[in-house]
Amino acid sequence: MNWRRVAAGVWAILPLAALLVTTVTMPTVDPALTARLMAVVVLCALGAAVMAVLQRVVPQSWSRWALAALAGVGWGAWLLHLLTASRGGSQDGGVSQPVLLAALLGAVVAGAVGYAVHGRRRPTPAQLRALVPERSRVQALRGRQVREVRPWSTDLDSRTMRVIGWGVLAVFAVALVVVLVGGQGWVAALVLVLVGAGTWALALAWSAVRVEVDVDGLEVRSRVAPVRLVRVPAEEVAGVAVQDLDPMRWGGIGLRPSPDRTSFIVDEGGPGLVVYRRDGRRLALQVTEGDAVARDGARELLQAAGQRLATTSGS
């Protein structure tokens, strides 16, 4: 049993107990608001219980995000109840914006705590060997097998991510205008700005990237902004393969994260690197320069990982 996953589930269920206690001890809050918050917290607790029952079915990456979200919503609802009750109840059936903002910040913190508590269980050596094809596994390199790792890089440009980025920005801009015109308040406007700007920046950063391999491992850096998007240290590489990346098998064109893998395919598919990580995840990156260039990158990454494995194994 994954006890950290159980602990994250308990953390997501605890808001129900907290809300029951505050409902009894602080009964001045608006009954209608209390009923709505109770329904939200009960649903979050039920969702966390379902995650506990389906441990063997739901991938741990999905359960980590799901339990973090459930914990955030549940604790945010409890904090909203607590703050509203401590102020003598809601006014005119509504909740003040400072209270909403405080509850939102509390929800973010509670979700982060749940995410950290859950963690991620690494597969056993036997499970890892079953995941990585035999010919693609990293082997410890010693003696004459050791050589200098030649730096390797390739540039990728994704029109799909660029279109997504500007499309998302346009949608959030329209939604922001609607919120402001409708008088929904600055809290809703602030949330829209933060979410919209973050999504736009992420999509734009992935629209043009450089994939680099050196003695320390693999990095994906944005060419639009000076940020590192992905880093796979050499000691975390369990295997490297060159495969024909079919968008239908990897979730589509563009950046496609999922519980056990992340892929970045920039056009209709083609040869690319598939990096098997020691935590059980895979990273697939299309190489538009062709199969030969992809194999050069795979060879250098295997060399770096093999030499690092020999060093860390101590033999």
C-alpha atoms as a PDB file:
ATOM      1  CA  MET A   1       0.000   0.000   0.000  1.00  0.00           C
ATOM      2  CA  ASN A   2       1.211   3.498  -0.835  1.00  0.00           C
ATOM      3  CA  TRP A   3       1.010   5.190   2.565  1.00  0.00           C
ATOM      4  CA  ARG A   4       1.862   8.623   1.206  1.00  0.00           C
ATOM      5  CA  ARG A   5      -1.097   8.344  -1.162  1.00  0.00           C
ATOM      6  CA  VAL A   6      -3.289   7.344   1.787  1.00  0.00           C
ATOM      7  CA  ALA A   7      -2.026  10.343   3.770  1.00  0.00           C
ATOM      8  CA  ALA A   8      -2.853  12.667   0.866  1.00  0.00           C
ATOM      9  CA  GLY A   9      -6.351  11.163   0.770  1.00  0.00           C
ATOM     10  CA  VAL A  10      -6.811  11.750   4.503  1.00  0.00           C
ATOM     11  CA  TRP A  11      -5.643  15.346   4.026  1.00  0.00           C
ATOM     12  CA  ALA A  12      -8.338  15.805   1.364  1.00  0.00           C
ATOM     13  CA  ILE A  13     -11.038  14.290   3.648  1.00  0.00           C
ATOM     14  CA  LEU A  14     -10.151  16.303   6.776  1.00  0.00           C
ATOM     15  CA  PRO A  15     -11.978  19.486   5.610  1.00  0.00           C
ATOM     16  CA  LEU A  16     -15.253  17.627   6.149  1.00  0.00           C
ATOM     17  CA  ALA A  17     -14.455  17.102   9.832  1.00  0.00           C
ATOM     18  CA  ALA A  18     -13.213  20.680  10.155  1.00  0.00           C
ATOM     19  CA  LEU A  19     -16.381  22.071   8.584  1.00  0.00           C
ATOM     20  CA  LEU A  20     -18.611  19.983  10.839  1.00  0.00           C
ATOM     21  CA  VAL A  21     -16.782  21.322  13.896  1.00  0.00           C
ATOM     22  CA  THR A  22     -16.976  24.968  12.802  1.00  0.00           C
ATOM     23  CA  THR A  23     -20.634  24.580  11.813  1.00  0.00           C
ATOM     24  CA  VAL A  24     -21.452  23.517  15.367  1.00  0.00           C
ATOM     25  CA  THR A  25     -19.200  25.992  17.152  1.00  0.00           C
ATOM     26  CA  MET A  26     -19.810  29.003  14.870  1.00  0.00           C
ATOM     27  CA  PRO A  27     -23.509  28.862  13.859  1.00  0.00           C
ATOM     28  CA  THR A  28     -23.832  32.512  12.786  1.00  0.00           C
ATOM     29  CA  VAL A  29     -23.030  31.923   9.114  1.00  0.00           C
ATOM     30  CA  ASP A  30     -25.768  32.111   6.479  1.00  0.00           C
ATOM     31  CA  PRO A  31     -27.538  28.685   6.371  1.00  0.00           C
ATOM     32  CA  ALA A  32     -27.774  28.735   2.564  1.00  0.00           C
ATOM     33  CA  LEU A  33     -24.044  29.372   2.231  1.00  0.00           C
ATOM     34  CA  THR A  34     -23.316  26.668   4.799  1.00  0.00           C
ATOM     35  CA  ALA A  35     -25.372  24.160   2.831  1.00  0.00           C
ATOM     36  CA  ARG A  36     -23.533  24.946  -0.404  1.00  0.00           C
ATOM     37  CA  LEU A  37     -20.119  24.724   1.247  1.00  0.00           C
ATOM     38  CA  MET A  38     -21.064  21.471   2.969  1.00  0.00           C
ATOM     39  CA  ALA A  39     -22.096  19.962  -0.378  1.00  0.00           C
ATOM     40  CA  VAL A  40     -18.758  20.955  -1.917  1.00  0.00           C
ATOM     41  CA  VAL A  41     -16.733  19.525   0.974  1.00  0.00           C
ATOM     42  CA  VAL A  42     -18.728  16.271   1.004  1.00  0.00           C
ATOM     43  CA  LEU A  43     -18.146  15.807  -2.725  1.00  0.00           C
ATOM     44  CA  CYS A  44     -14.406  16.405  -2.221  1.00  0.00           C
ATOM     45  CA  ALA A  45     -14.315  13.857   0.599  1.00  0.00           C
ATOM     46  CA  LEU A  46     -16.166  11.301  -1.534  1.00  0.00           C
ATOM     47  CA  GLY A  47     -13.750  11.918  -4.404  1.00  0.00           C
ATOM     48  CA  ALA A  48     -10.779  11.345  -2.100  1.00  0.00           C
ATOM     49  CA  ALA A  49     -12.359   8.119  -0.826  1.00  0.00           C
ATOM     50  CA  VAL A  50     -12.848   6.910  -4.412  1.00  0.00           C
ATOM     51  CA  MET A  51      -9.172   7.621  -5.122  1.00  0.00           C
ATOM     52  CA  ALA A  52      -8.242   5.475  -2.108  1.00  0.00           C
ATOM     53  CA  VAL A  53     -10.421   2.576  -3.276  1.00  0.00           C
ATOM     54  CA  LEU A  54      -9.097   2.742  -6.849  1.00  0.00           C
ATOM     55  CA  GLN A  55      -5.398   2.810  -5.941  1.00  0.00           C
ATOM     56  CA  ARG A  56      -4.606  -0.027  -8.337  1.00  0.00           C
ATOM     57  CA  VAL A  57      -6.579   1.517 -11.199  1.00  0.00           C
ATOM     58  CA  VAL A  58      -5.853   5.251 -11.121  1.00  0.00           C
ATOM     59  CA  PRO A  59      -2.232   6.116 -12.069  1.00  0.00           C
ATOM     60  CA  GLN A  60      -0.368   7.813  -9.247  1.00  0.00           C
ATOM     61  CA  SER A  61       0.339  10.908 -11.350  1.00  0.00           C
ATOM     62  CA  TRP A  62      -3.404  11.400 -11.831  1.00  0.00           C
ATOM     63  CA  SER A  63      -4.194  10.653  -8.185  1.00  0.00           C
ATOM     64  CA  ARG A  64      -1.519  13.127  -7.070  1.00  0.00           C
ATOM     65  CA  TRP A  65      -3.089  15.978  -9.016  1.00  0.00           C
ATOM     66  CA  ALA A  66      -6.653  14.869  -8.235  1.00  0.00           C
ATOM     67  CA  LEU A  67      -6.092  14.606  -4.480  1.00  0.00           C
ATOM     68  CA  ALA A  68      -4.236  17.923  -4.461  1.00  0.00           C
ATOM     69  CA  ALA A  69      -7.173  19.579  -6.254  1.00  0.00           C
ATOM     70  CA  LEU A  70      -9.724  17.952  -3.926  1.00  0.00           C
ATOM     71  CA  ALA A  71      -7.740  19.027  -0.864  1.00  0.00           C
ATOM     72  CA  GLY A  72      -7.457  22.571  -2.195  1.00  0.00           C
ATOM     73  CA  VAL A  73     -11.184  22.884  -2.898  1.00  0.00           C
ATOM     74  CA  GLY A  74     -12.181  21.267   0.404  1.00  0.00           C
ATOM     75  CA  TRP A  75      -9.890  23.336   2.600  1.00  0.00           C
ATOM     76  CA  GLY A  76     -10.754  26.471   0.623  1.00  0.00           C
ATOM     77  CA  ALA A  77     -14.462  25.885   1.281  1.00  0.00           C
ATOM     78  CA  TRP A  78     -13.799  25.349   4.993  1.00  0.00           C
ATOM     79  CA  LEU A  79     -11.703  28.510   5.180  1.00  0.00           C
ATOM     80  CA  LEU A  80     -14.466  30.452   3.413  1.00  0.00           C
ATOM     81  CA  HIS A  81     -16.942  29.224   6.022  1.00  0.00           C
ATOM     82  CA  LEU A  82     -14.593  30.032   8.893  1.00  0.00           C
ATOM     83  CA  LEU A  83     -13.794  33.554   7.728  1.00  0.00           C
ATOM     84  CA  THR A  84     -17.405  34.367   6.893  1.00  0.00           C
ATOM     85  CA  ALA A  85     -18.633  33.055  10.252  1.00  0.00           C
ATOM     86  CA  SER A  86     -15.954  34.934  12.169  1.00  0.00           C
ATOM     87  CA  ARG A  87     -17.129  38.159  10.516  1.00  0.00           C
ATOM     88  CA  GLY A  88     -20.698  37.586  11.679  1.00  0.00           C
ATOM     89  CA  GLY A  89     -22.066  35.890   8.568  1.00  0.00           C
ATOM     90  CA  SER A  90     -22.416  36.883   4.935  1.00  0.00           C
ATOM     91  CA  GLN A  91     -23.805  40.262   4.021  1.00  0.00           C
ATOM     92  CA  ASP A  92     -26.861  40.396   1.742  1.00  0.00           C
ATOM     93  CA  GLY A  93     -26.334  36.780   0.828  1.00  0.00           C
ATOM     94  CA  GLY A  94     -22.863  37.458  -0.567  1.00  0.00           C
ATOM     95  CA  VAL A  95     -19.238  37.082   0.517  1.00  0.00           C
ATOM     96  CA  SER A  96     -16.759  39.949   0.604  1.00  0.00           C
ATOM     97  CA  GLN A  97     -13.928  39.953  -1.898  1.00  0.00           C
ATOM     98  CA  PRO A  98     -11.116  39.959   0.712  1.00  0.00           C
ATOM     99  CA  VAL A  99     -12.625  36.805   2.233  1.00  0.00           C
ATOM    100  CA  LEU A 100     -12.839  35.171  -1.211  1.00  0.00           C
ATOM    101  CA  LEU A 101      -9.226  36.031  -1.939  1.00  0.00           C
ATOM    102  CA  ALA A 102      -8.053  34.674   1.417  1.00  0.00           C
ATOM    103  CA  ALA A 103      -9.986  31.443   0.832  1.00  0.00           C
ATOM    104  CA  LEU A 104      -8.465  31.142  -2.644  1.00  0.00           C
ATOM    105  CA  LEU A 105      -4.939  31.570  -1.288  1.00  0.00           C
ATOM    106  CA  GLY A 106      -5.666  29.017   1.430  1.00  0.00           C
ATOM    107  CA  ALA A 107      -6.926  26.569  -1.197  1.00  0.00           C
ATOM    108  CA  VAL A 108      -3.699  26.950  -3.198  1.00  0.00           C
ATOM    109  CA  VAL A 109      -1.570  26.309  -0.105  1.00  0.00           C
ATOM    110  CA  ALA A 110      -3.665  23.283   0.918  1.00  0.00           C
ATOM    111  CA  GLY A 111      -3.415  21.852  -2.600  1.00  0.00           C
ATOM    112  CA  ALA A 112       0.356  22.296  -2.575  1.00  0.00           C
ATOM    113  CA  VAL A 113       0.560  20.492   0.780  1.00  0.00           C
ATOM    114  CA  GLY A 114      -1.509  17.599  -0.580  1.00  0.00           C
ATOM    115  CA  TYR A 115       0.671  17.403  -3.693  1.00  0.00           C
ATOM    116  CA  ALA A 116       3.843  17.279  -1.566  1.00  0.00           C
ATOM    117  CA  VAL A 117       2.412  14.716   0.867  1.00  0.00           C
ATOM    118  CA  HIS A 118       1.350  12.397  -1.955  1.00  0.00           C
ATOM    119  CA  GLY A 119       4.755  12.373  -3.642  1.00  0.00           C
ATOM    120  CA  ARG A 120       5.573   9.855  -6.333  1.00  0.00           C
ATOM    121  CA  ARG A 121       6.565   6.229  -5.779  1.00  0.00           C
ATOM    122  CA  ARG A 122       9.472   5.073  -7.922  1.00  0.00           C
ATOM    123  CA  PRO A 123       9.141   1.687  -9.643  1.00  0.00           C
ATOM    124  CA  THR A 124      11.234  -1.220  -8.415  1.00  0.00           C
ATOM    125  CA  PRO A 125      14.263  -2.308 -10.497  1.00  0.00           C
ATOM    126  CA  ALA A 126      12.251  -5.250 -11.829  1.00  0.00           C
ATOM    127  CA  GLN A 127       9.342  -3.009 -12.825  1.00  0.00           C
ATOM    128  CA  LEU A 128      11.734  -0.568 -14.486  1.00  0.00           C
ATOM    129  CA  ARG A 129      13.372  -3.345 -16.519  1.00  0.00           C
ATOM    130  CA  ALA A 130       9.932  -4.400 -17.713  1.00  0.00           C
ATOM    131  CA  LEU A 131       9.183  -0.840 -18.856  1.00  0.00           C
ATOM    132  CA  VAL A 132      12.419  -0.193 -20.759  1.00  0.00           C
ATOM    133  CA  PRO A 133      13.177  -2.221 -23.931  1.00  0.00           C
ATOM    134  CA  GLU A 134      16.314  -4.307 -23.452  1.00  0.00           C
ATOM    135  CA  ARG A 135      18.277  -2.712 -26.293  1.00  0.00           C
ATOM    136  CA  SER A 136      17.471   0.778 -25.003  1.00  0.00           C
ATOM    137  CA  ARG A 137      18.546   0.315 -21.383  1.00  0.00           C
ATOM    138  CA  VAL A 138      21.387   2.298 -19.861  1.00  0.00           C
ATOM    139  CA  GLN A 139      24.435   0.158 -19.136  1.00  0.00           C
ATOM    140  CA  ALA A 140      27.230   1.168 -16.765  1.00  0.00           C
ATOM    141  CA  LEU A 141      30.257   2.201 -18.844  1.00  0.00           C
ATOM    142  CA  ARG A 142      33.791   1.778 -17.485  1.00  0.00           C
ATOM    143  CA  GLY A 143      37.334   1.555 -18.677  1.00  0.00           C
ATOM    144  CA  ARG A 144      37.719   1.838 -22.430  1.00  0.00           C
ATOM    145  CA  GLN A 145      34.008   2.421 -22.826  1.00  0.00           C
ATOM    146  CA  VAL A 146      34.372   5.860 -21.237  1.00  0.00           C
ATOM    147  CA  ARG A 147      34.784   8.760 -23.659  1.00  0.00           C
ATOM    148  CA  GLU A 148      33.951  12.428 -23.820  1.00  0.00           C
ATOM    149  CA  VAL A 149      30.266  13.114 -24.315  1.00  0.00           C
ATOM    150  CA  ARG A 150      29.867  15.288 -27.387  1.00  0.00           C
ATOM    151  CA  PRO A 151      27.275  18.060 -26.921  1.00  0.00           C
ATOM    152  CA  TRP A 152      24.231  17.548 -29.136  1.00  0.00           C
ATOM    153  CA  SER A 153      21.302  19.853 -29.828  1.00  0.00           C
ATOM    154  CA  THR A 154      18.362  20.307 -32.161  1.00  0.00           C
ATOM    155  CA  ASP A 155      15.797  23.097 -32.587  1.00  0.00           C
ATOM    156  CA  LEU A 156      12.044  22.518 -32.732  1.00  0.00           C
ATOM    157  CA  ASP A 157       9.340  24.967 -33.789  1.00  0.00           C
ATOM    158  CA  SER A 158       5.652  24.283 -33.158  1.00  0.00           C
ATOM    159  CA  ARG A 159       3.057  26.343 -34.990  1.00  0.00           C
ATOM    160  CA  THR A 160       0.385  24.430 -33.050  1.00  0.00           C
ATOM    161  CA  MET A 161       1.639  25.731 -29.698  1.00  0.00           C
ATOM    162  CA  ARG A 162       1.902  29.252 -31.089  1.00  0.00           C
ATOM    163  CA  VAL A 163      -1.716  29.175 -32.296  1.00  0.00           C
ATOM    164  CA  ILE A 164      -2.872  27.688 -28.986  1.00  0.00           C
ATOM    165  CA  GLY A 165      -1.046  30.409 -27.056  1.00  0.00           C
ATOM    166  CA  TRP A 166      -2.565  33.332 -28.927  1.00  0.00           C
ATOM    167  CA  GLY A 167      -5.973  31.641 -29.053  1.00  0.00           C
ATOM    168  CA  VAL A 168      -5.971  31.156 -25.276  1.00  0.00           C
ATOM    169  CA  LEU A 169      -4.953  34.781 -24.787  1.00  0.00           C
ATOM    170  CA  ALA A 170      -7.844  35.968 -26.973  1.00  0.00           C
ATOM    171  CA  VAL A 171     -10.372  33.805 -25.103  1.00  0.00           C
ATOM    172  CA  PHE A 172      -9.232  35.004 -21.688  1.00  0.00           C
ATOM    173  CA  ALA A 173      -9.185  38.627 -22.879  1.00  0.00           C
ATOM    174  CA  VAL A 174     -12.833  38.355 -23.954  1.00  0.00           C
ATOM    175  CA  ALA A 175     -13.730  36.637 -20.667  1.00  0.00           C
ATOM    176  CA  LEU A 176     -11.950  39.403 -18.730  1.00  0.00           C
ATOM    177  CA  VAL A 177     -13.957  42.086 -20.549  1.00  0.00           C
ATOM    178  CA  VAL A 178     -17.192  40.223 -19.764  1.00  0.00           C
ATOM    179  CA  VAL A 179     -16.257  39.966 -16.081  1.00  0.00           C
ATOM    180  CA  LEU A 180     -15.338  43.631 -15.813  1.00  0.00           C
ATOM    181  CA  VAL A 181     -18.425  44.836 -17.672  1.00  0.00           C
ATOM    182  CA  GLY A 182     -20.650  42.538 -15.627  1.00  0.00           C
ATOM    183  CA  GLY A 183     -19.241  43.886 -12.381  1.00  0.00           C
ATOM    184  CA  GLN A 184     -18.120  40.498 -11.066  1.00  0.00           C
ATOM    185  CA  GLY A 185     -15.381  42.058  -8.945  1.00  0.00           C
ATOM    186  CA  TRP A 186     -11.608  42.293  -8.970  1.00  0.00           C
ATOM    187  CA  VAL A 187     -11.057  38.827  -7.499  1.00  0.00           C
ATOM    188  CA  ALA A 188     -12.592  37.107 -10.533  1.00  0.00           C
ATOM    189  CA  ALA A 189     -10.690  39.465 -12.840  1.00  0.00           C
ATOM    190  CA  LEU A 190      -7.409  38.727 -11.034  1.00  0.00           C
ATOM    191  CA  VAL A 191      -7.933  34.962 -11.330  1.00  0.00           C
ATOM    192  CA  LEU A 192      -8.647  35.297 -15.056  1.00  0.00           C
ATOM    193  CA  VAL A 193      -5.542  37.416 -15.595  1.00  0.00           C
ATOM    194  CA  LEU A 194      -3.274  35.013 -13.717  1.00  0.00           C
ATOM    195  CA  VAL A 195      -4.634  31.851 -15.355  1.00  0.00           C
ATOM    196  CA  GLY A 196      -4.782  33.366 -18.829  1.00  0.00           C
ATOM    197  CA  ALA A 197      -1.319  34.895 -18.674  1.00  0.00           C
ATOM    198  CA  GLY A 198       0.180  31.698 -17.293  1.00  0.00           C
ATOM    199  CA  THR A 199      -1.402  29.513 -19.974  1.00  0.00           C
ATOM    200  CA  TRP A 200      -0.373  31.915 -22.741  1.00  0.00           C
ATOM    201  CA  ALA A 201       3.219  32.118 -21.468  1.00  0.00           C
ATOM    202  CA  LEU A 202       3.510  28.325 -21.223  1.00  0.00           C
ATOM    203  CA  ALA A 203       2.193  27.750 -24.755  1.00  0.00           C
ATOM    204  CA  LEU A 204       4.395  30.477 -26.205  1.00  0.00           C
ATOM    205  CA  ALA A 205       7.481  29.155 -24.415  1.00  0.00           C
ATOM    206  CA  TRP A 206       6.929  25.733 -26.014  1.00  0.00           C
ATOM    207  CA  SER A 207       6.383  27.198 -29.484  1.00  0.00           C
ATOM    208  CA  ALA A 208      10.151  27.290 -30.138  1.00  0.00           C
ATOM    209  CA  VAL A 209      12.536  25.152 -28.085  1.00  0.00           C
ATOM    210  CA  ARG A 210      16.047  23.750 -28.185  1.00  0.00           C
ATOM    211  CA  VAL A 211      16.754  20.189 -27.049  1.00  0.00           C
ATOM    212  CA  GLU A 212      20.292  19.759 -25.695  1.00  0.00           C
ATOM    213  CA  VAL A 213      22.275  16.741 -24.547  1.00  0.00           C
ATOM    214  CA  ASP A 214      25.552  16.961 -22.642  1.00  0.00           C
ATOM    215  CA  VAL A 215      27.420  15.117 -19.907  1.00  0.00           C
ATOM    216  CA  ASP A 216      24.816  16.198 -17.329  1.00  0.00           C
ATOM    217  CA  GLY A 217      21.796  14.845 -19.211  1.00  0.00           C
ATOM    218  CA  LEU A 218      19.038  16.295 -21.377  1.00  0.00           C
ATOM    219  CA  GLU A 219      17.469  19.745 -21.283  1.00  0.00           C
ATOM    220  CA  VAL A 220      14.659  21.409 -23.178  1.00  0.00           C
ATOM    221  CA  ARG A 221      15.019  25.196 -23.191  1.00  0.00           C
ATOM    222  CA  SER A 222      12.690  27.770 -24.689  1.00  0.00           C
ATOM    223  CA  ARG A 223      14.055  29.949 -27.477  1.00  0.00           C
ATOM    224  CA  VAL A 224      11.286  32.490 -26.880  1.00  0.00           C
ATOM    225  CA  ALA A 225      12.124  33.163 -23.212  1.00  0.00           C
ATOM    226  CA  PRO A 226      15.269  32.365 -21.191  1.00  0.00           C
ATOM    227  CA  VAL A 227      13.680  29.503 -19.254  1.00  0.00           C
ATOM    228  CA  ARG A 228      14.383  25.792 -18.914  1.00  0.00           C
ATOM    229  CA  LEU A 229      11.238  23.786 -19.561  1.00  0.00           C
ATOM    230  CA  VAL A 230      12.429  20.220 -18.913  1.00  0.00           C
ATOM    231  CA  ARG A 231      15.564  18.742 -17.396  1.00  0.00           C
ATOM    232  CA  VAL A 232      16.369  15.040 -17.189  1.00  0.00           C
ATOM    233  CA  PRO A 233      19.630  14.532 -15.243  1.00  0.00           C
ATOM    234  CA  ALA A 234      21.910  11.800 -16.543  1.00  0.00           C
ATOM    235  CA  GLU A 235      21.444   9.773 -13.354  1.00  0.00           C
ATOM    236  CA  GLU A 236      17.667   9.744 -13.919  1.00  0.00           C
ATOM    237  CA  VAL A 237      17.878   8.253 -17.421  1.00  0.00           C
ATOM    238  CA  ALA A 238      17.000   4.555 -17.446  1.00  0.00           C
ATOM    239  CA  GLY A 239      16.945   4.144 -21.223  1.00  0.00           C
ATOM    240  CA  VAL A 240      16.865   5.989 -24.531  1.00  0.00           C
ATOM    241  CA  ALA A 241      15.288   4.847 -27.803  1.00  0.00           C
ATOM    242  CA  VAL A 242      14.700   6.296 -31.237  1.00  0.00           C
ATOM    243  CA  GLN A 243      11.135   5.647 -32.324  1.00  0.00           C
ATOM    244  CA  ASP A 244       8.717   6.807 -34.984  1.00  0.00           C
ATOM    245  CA  LEU A 245       6.429   9.125 -33.009  1.00  0.00           C
ATOM    246  CA  ASP A 246       2.858   8.774 -34.208  1.00  0.00           C
ATOM    247  CA  PRO A 247       0.662  11.627 -32.892  1.00  0.00           C
ATOM    248  CA  MET A 248      -2.277   9.224 -32.626  1.00  0.00           C
ATOM    249  CA  ARG A 249      -0.349   7.090 -30.131  1.00  0.00           C
ATOM    250  CA  TRP A 250       1.140   9.959 -28.145  1.00  0.00           C
ATOM    251  CA  GLY A 251      -1.955  12.119 -27.659  1.00  0.00           C
ATOM    252  CA  GLY A 252      -1.712  14.517 -30.607  1.00  0.00           C
ATOM    253  CA  ILE A 253       0.453  17.295 -31.996  1.00  0.00           C
ATOM    254  CA  GLY A 254       2.061  19.804 -29.647  1.00  0.00           C
ATOM    255  CA  LEU A 255       2.783  19.390 -25.945  1.00  0.00           C
ATOM    256  CA  ARG A 256       0.834  16.444 -24.548  1.00  0.00           C
ATOM    257  CA  PRO A 257       1.371  15.598 -20.847  1.00  0.00           C
ATOM    258  CA  SER A 258      -0.273  12.503 -19.363  1.00  0.00           C
ATOM    259  CA  PRO A 259       0.144  10.454 -16.161  1.00  0.00           C
ATOM    260  CA  ASP A 260       2.978   8.232 -17.398  1.00  0.00           C
ATOM    261  CA  ARG A 261       4.492  10.227 -20.245  1.00  0.00           C
ATOM    262  CA  THR A 262       4.982  13.617 -21.856  1.00  0.00           C
ATOM    263  CA  SER A 263       5.334  14.104 -25.593  1.00  0.00           C
ATOM    264  CA  PHE A 264       6.199  17.045 -27.830  1.00  0.00           C
ATOM    265  CA  ILE A 265       5.420  16.448 -31.499  1.00  0.00           C
ATOM    266  CA  VAL A 266       5.637  19.455 -33.793  1.00  0.00           C
ATOM    267  CA  ASP A 267       4.122  18.204 -37.058  1.00  0.00           C
ATOM    268  CA  GLU A 268       2.649  15.011 -38.495  1.00  0.00           C
ATOM    269  CA  GLY A 269       5.088  12.827 -36.607  1.00  0.00           C
ATOM    270  CA  GLY A 270       8.401  11.207 -37.419  1.00  0.00           C
ATOM    271  CA  PRO A 271      11.572  10.011 -35.710  1.00  0.00           C
ATOM    272  CA  GLY A 272      12.234  11.213 -32.213  1.00  0.00           C
ATOM    273  CA  LEU A 273      13.855  10.502 -28.857  1.00  0.00           C
ATOM    274  CA  VAL A 274      12.013   8.526 -26.207  1.00  0.00           C
ATOM    275  CA  VAL A 275      13.700   8.941 -22.825  1.00  0.00           C
ATOM    276  CA  TYR A 276      12.763   6.427 -20.115  1.00  0.00           C
ATOM    277  CA  ARG A 277      13.124   7.956 -16.662  1.00  0.00           C
ATOM    278  CA  ARG A 278      13.835   6.069 -13.456  1.00  0.00           C
ATOM    279  CA  ASP A 279      10.566   7.292 -11.948  1.00  0.00           C
ATOM    280  CA  GLY A 280       8.708   5.292 -14.619  1.00  0.00           C
ATOM    281  CA  ARG A 281       7.748   8.209 -16.868  1.00  0.00           C
ATOM    282  CA  ARG A 282       8.671   8.697 -20.521  1.00  0.00           C
ATOM    283  CA  LEU A 283       9.595  11.833 -22.418  1.00  0.00           C
ATOM    284  CA  ALA A 284       9.119  11.768 -26.221  1.00  0.00           C
ATOM    285  CA  LEU A 285      10.576  14.561 -28.367  1.00  0.00           C
ATOM    286  CA  GLN A 286      10.301  14.658 -32.131  1.00  0.00           C
ATOM    287  CA  VAL A 287      13.529  15.419 -34.020  1.00  0.00           C
ATOM    288  CA  THR A 288      12.634  17.177 -37.250  1.00  0.00           C
ATOM    289  CA  GLU A 289      16.180  16.869 -38.620  1.00  0.00           C
ATOM    290  CA  GLY A 290      15.703  13.165 -39.256  1.00  0.00           C
ATOM    291  CA  ASP A 291      16.510   9.703 -37.966  1.00  0.00           C
ATOM    292  CA  ALA A 292      20.312  10.052 -38.135  1.00  0.00           C
ATOM    293  CA  VAL A 293      20.319  13.184 -35.985  1.00  0.00           C
ATOM    294  CA  ALA A 294      17.943  11.548 -33.506  1.00  0.00           C
ATOM    295  CA  ARG A 295      20.251   8.530 -33.199  1.00  0.00           C
ATOM    296  CA  ASP A 296      23.216  10.815 -32.562  1.00  0.00           C
ATOM    297  CA  GLY A 297      21.326  12.400 -29.673  1.00  0.00           C
ATOM    298  CA  ALA A 298      20.273   9.023 -28.276  1.00  0.00           C
ATOM    299  CA  ARG A 299      23.843   7.716 -28.448  1.00  0.00           C
ATOM    300  CA  GLU A 300      25.278  10.701 -26.571  1.00  0.00           C
ATOM    301  CA  LEU A 301      22.570  10.599 -23.901  1.00  0.00           C
ATOM    302  CA  LEU A 302      23.130   6.860 -23.369  1.00  0.00           C
ATOM    303  CA  GLN A 303      26.856   7.541 -23.075  1.00  0.00           C
ATOM    304  CA  ALA A 304      26.336  10.266 -20.471  1.00  0.00           C
ATOM    305  CA  ALA A 305      23.845   8.159 -18.501  1.00  0.00           C
ATOM    306  CA  GLY A 306      26.048   5.046 -18.665  1.00  0.00           C
ATOM    307  CA  GLN A 307      29.101   6.880 -17.345  1.00  0.00           C
ATOM    308  CA  ARG A 308      27.059   8.500 -14.584  1.00  0.00           C
ATOM    309  CA  LEU A 309      25.602   5.098 -13.626  1.00  0.00           C
ATOM    310  CA  ALA A 310      29.099   3.625 -13.329  1.00  0.00           C
ATOM    311  CA  THR A 311      30.136   6.531 -11.098  1.00  0.00           C
ATOM    312  CA  THR A 312      27.110   6.428  -8.801  1.00  0.00           C
ATOM    313  CA  SER A 313      27.149   2.627  -8.486  1.00  0.00           C
ATOM    314  CA  GLY A 314      30.569   2.869  -6.846  1.00  0.00           C
ATOM    315  CA  SER A 315      32.075  -0.088  -8.671  1.00  0.00           C
END
